[in-house]
N, C-alpha and C. Protein backbone atom coordinates (compact mmCIF):
# COMPACT_ATOMS: atom_id res chain seq x y z
N MET A 1 182.46 62.98 -17.64
CA MET A 1 182.17 62.96 -19.12
C MET A 1 182.61 64.40 -19.84
N THR A 2 183.35 64.10 -20.87
CA THR A 2 183.99 65.24 -21.37
C THR A 2 183.00 65.88 -22.43
N ALA A 3 183.22 67.19 -22.76
CA ALA A 3 182.24 67.81 -23.62
C ALA A 3 182.30 67.06 -25.16
N LYS A 4 183.35 66.56 -25.47
CA LYS A 4 183.51 65.92 -26.83
C LYS A 4 182.64 64.68 -26.69
N SER A 5 182.76 63.72 -25.69
CA SER A 5 181.97 62.56 -25.57
C SER A 5 180.48 62.71 -25.44
N LEU A 6 180.05 64.05 -24.90
CA LEU A 6 178.77 64.45 -24.75
C LEU A 6 178.16 64.67 -26.09
N VAL A 7 179.00 65.40 -26.83
CA VAL A 7 178.49 65.75 -28.18
C VAL A 7 178.51 64.50 -29.07
N THR A 8 179.22 63.65 -28.90
CA THR A 8 179.20 62.44 -29.55
C THR A 8 177.85 61.54 -29.24
N SER A 9 177.71 61.56 -27.97
CA SER A 9 176.47 60.85 -27.41
C SER A 9 175.13 61.47 -28.09
N VAL A 10 175.33 62.76 -28.07
CA VAL A 10 174.06 63.48 -28.69
C VAL A 10 173.91 63.14 -30.12
N GLU A 11 175.01 63.22 -30.85
CA GLU A 11 174.91 62.74 -32.36
C GLU A 11 174.45 61.32 -32.49
N GLN A 12 174.89 60.55 -31.74
CA GLN A 12 174.39 59.08 -31.84
C GLN A 12 173.07 58.99 -31.43
N ILE A 13 172.45 59.49 -30.47
CA ILE A 13 171.14 59.61 -30.17
C ILE A 13 170.30 60.10 -31.39
N GLU A 14 170.58 61.18 -32.00
CA GLU A 14 169.89 61.96 -33.03
C GLU A 14 170.00 61.15 -34.34
N SER A 15 171.07 60.39 -34.57
CA SER A 15 171.02 59.49 -35.61
C SER A 15 170.04 58.36 -35.62
N GLN A 16 169.64 57.96 -34.45
CA GLN A 16 168.83 56.96 -34.19
C GLN A 16 167.38 57.36 -34.10
N ILE A 17 167.04 58.69 -34.37
CA ILE A 17 165.62 59.14 -34.29
C ILE A 17 165.15 59.48 -35.76
N PHE A 18 164.07 58.84 -36.22
CA PHE A 18 163.58 58.92 -37.52
C PHE A 18 162.21 59.94 -37.56
N LEU A 19 162.20 60.48 -38.68
CA LEU A 19 161.04 61.26 -38.99
C LEU A 19 159.77 60.46 -39.81
N ILE A 20 158.85 60.05 -39.32
CA ILE A 20 157.84 59.38 -40.00
C ILE A 20 156.45 60.05 -39.85
N ARG A 21 155.92 60.32 -40.96
CA ARG A 21 154.69 61.05 -40.97
C ARG A 21 154.64 62.18 -40.03
N GLY A 22 155.61 62.97 -40.05
CA GLY A 22 155.71 64.14 -39.14
C GLY A 22 155.98 63.83 -37.85
N GLN A 23 156.13 62.53 -37.26
CA GLN A 23 156.24 62.24 -35.84
C GLN A 23 157.88 61.81 -35.78
N LYS A 24 158.60 62.31 -34.78
CA LYS A 24 160.03 61.65 -34.52
C LYS A 24 159.88 60.24 -33.67
N ILE A 25 160.28 59.36 -34.14
CA ILE A 25 160.22 58.06 -33.43
C ILE A 25 161.69 57.39 -33.31
N MET A 26 161.72 56.54 -32.30
CA MET A 26 162.86 55.92 -31.98
C MET A 26 162.70 54.42 -31.91
N LEU A 27 163.22 53.50 -32.51
CA LEU A 27 162.92 52.12 -32.48
C LEU A 27 163.22 51.66 -31.00
N ASP A 28 162.32 50.66 -30.43
CA ASP A 28 162.44 50.36 -29.10
C ASP A 28 163.61 49.57 -28.81
N GLU A 29 164.38 48.96 -29.73
CA GLU A 29 165.59 48.29 -29.55
C GLU A 29 166.56 49.34 -29.38
N ASP A 30 166.70 50.54 -29.98
CA ASP A 30 167.53 51.63 -29.86
C ASP A 30 167.40 52.23 -28.50
N LEU A 31 166.09 52.37 -28.19
CA LEU A 31 165.72 53.03 -26.79
C LEU A 31 166.14 52.17 -25.66
N ALA A 32 165.97 50.81 -25.61
CA ALA A 32 166.35 49.94 -24.73
C ALA A 32 167.79 49.97 -24.59
N LEU A 33 168.50 49.86 -25.78
CA LEU A 33 170.24 49.99 -25.60
C LEU A 33 170.49 51.34 -24.87
N LEU A 34 169.81 52.62 -25.13
CA LEU A 34 170.19 53.78 -24.66
C LEU A 34 169.93 53.72 -23.12
N THR A 35 168.64 53.38 -22.80
CA THR A 35 168.36 53.14 -21.29
C THR A 35 169.33 52.24 -20.49
N LYS A 36 169.76 51.15 -21.12
CA LYS A 36 170.75 50.26 -20.57
C LYS A 36 172.08 51.06 -20.41
N ARG A 37 172.32 51.65 -21.41
CA ARG A 37 173.75 52.48 -21.38
C ARG A 37 173.78 53.54 -20.29
N ASN A 38 172.65 54.14 -20.06
CA ASN A 38 172.37 55.05 -19.19
C ASN A 38 172.37 54.53 -17.77
N LEU A 39 171.82 53.33 -17.39
CA LEU A 39 171.96 52.71 -16.24
C LEU A 39 173.26 52.35 -15.91
N ASP A 40 174.11 51.85 -16.73
CA ASP A 40 175.48 51.47 -16.58
C ASP A 40 176.40 52.76 -16.16
N TRP A 41 175.92 53.87 -16.70
CA TRP A 41 176.75 55.05 -16.42
C TRP A 41 176.58 55.51 -15.00
N GLU A 42 175.48 55.54 -14.46
CA GLU A 42 175.18 56.04 -13.20
C GLU A 42 175.94 55.31 -11.95
């Protein structure tokens, strides 16, 4: 994984995190897709 693709991944993850009532949350659907993507990467 290149540094550029890693930065892109971090930016994609950060864009899926929302701030609600002072808490950072991620929708379960987005988290599930992220987990699946990580399992495919290993």
